[in-house]
Amino acid sequence: MEDLGKKIRKARKASGMTMGEVAEESGLTIASVFNAETGKGTPKPSTVKSIAKAIGVDESTWMEWVRMI
């Protein structure tokens, strides 16, 4: 099973967005997006939701991601 960071990175790349674009769209810092993707620390559920919405992930998917925290 993929870990949360890998799922986030895979979805971001599939969306064609850079980390910077996700950060801008979500209102997060690039560091927050990077940390969520690389597993450095545990992201807050609100961070995961913001990233997911920025990259166009549907609600059921981001809710699954939040449950992985």
Protein backbone atom coordinates (compact mmCIF):
# COMPACT_ATOMS: atom_id res chain seq x y z
CA MET A 1 0.00 0.00 0.00
CA GLU A 2 1.27 3.45 -0.90
CA ASP A 3 1.91 5.84 1.93
CA LEU A 4 0.11 9.16 2.10
CA GLY A 5 2.98 11.22 0.71
CA LYS A 6 3.30 9.02 -2.36
CA LYS A 7 -0.44 9.25 -3.00
CA ILE A 8 -0.33 13.04 -2.76
CA ARG A 9 2.70 13.30 -5.07
CA LYS A 10 1.18 10.90 -7.61
CA ALA A 11 -2.09 12.88 -7.69
CA ARG A 12 -0.24 16.20 -7.96
CA LYS A 13 1.86 14.98 -10.86
CA ALA A 14 -1.23 13.56 -12.58
CA SER A 15 -2.83 17.01 -12.27
CA GLY A 16 0.19 18.55 -14.02
CA MET A 17 0.79 21.00 -11.19
CA THR A 18 4.09 21.93 -9.59
CA MET A 19 4.52 22.13 -5.83
CA GLY A 20 4.59 25.90 -6.19
CA GLU A 21 1.30 25.95 -8.05
CA VAL A 22 -0.31 23.70 -5.44
CA ALA A 23 1.02 25.93 -2.67
CA GLU A 24 -0.36 29.05 -4.35
CA GLU A 25 -3.76 27.48 -5.10
CA SER A 26 -4.12 25.98 -1.61
CA GLY A 27 -2.80 28.94 0.38
CA LEU A 28 -0.04 26.78 1.88
CA THR A 29 3.71 27.20 1.72
CA ILE A 30 5.82 25.17 -0.68
CA ALA A 31 7.47 23.68 2.42
CA SER A 32 4.09 22.39 3.65
CA VAL A 33 3.39 20.74 0.30
CA PHE A 34 6.92 19.28 0.20
CA ASN A 35 6.64 17.96 3.75
CA ALA A 36 3.27 16.32 3.03
CA GLU A 37 4.70 14.60 -0.04
CA THR A 38 7.92 13.44 1.58
CA GLY A 39 6.50 12.37 4.92
CA LYS A 40 8.50 14.87 6.95
CA GLY A 41 6.25 15.14 9.97
CA THR A 42 2.55 14.42 10.04
CA PRO A 43 0.38 16.82 8.04
CA LYS A 44 -2.74 18.25 9.62
CA PRO A 45 -6.03 17.05 8.13
CA SER A 46 -6.68 20.63 6.97
CA THR A 47 -3.37 20.61 5.06
CA VAL A 48 -4.25 17.36 3.31
CA LYS A 49 -7.69 18.73 2.42
CA SER A 50 -6.22 21.97 1.05
CA ILE A 51 -3.71 20.13 -1.12
CA ALA A 52 -6.34 17.70 -2.37
CA LYS A 53 -8.76 20.46 -3.31
CA ALA A 54 -5.99 22.40 -5.07
CA ILE A 55 -5.12 19.42 -7.28
CA GLY A 56 -8.74 18.52 -7.95
CA VAL A 57 -8.99 15.32 -5.93
CA ASP A 58 -12.54 14.26 -5.18
CA GLU A 59 -13.91 14.35 -1.65
CA SER A 60 -13.93 10.59 -1.08
CA THR A 61 -10.24 10.38 -1.99
CA TRP A 62 -9.08 13.18 0.28
CA MET A 63 -11.19 11.79 3.10
CA GLU A 64 -9.39 8.46 2.62
CA TRP A 65 -6.09 10.35 2.79
CA VAL A 66 -7.09 12.05 6.05
CA ARG A 67 -7.87 8.65 7.56
CA MET A 68 -4.28 7.62 6.75
CA ILE A 69 -2.85 10.24 9.12
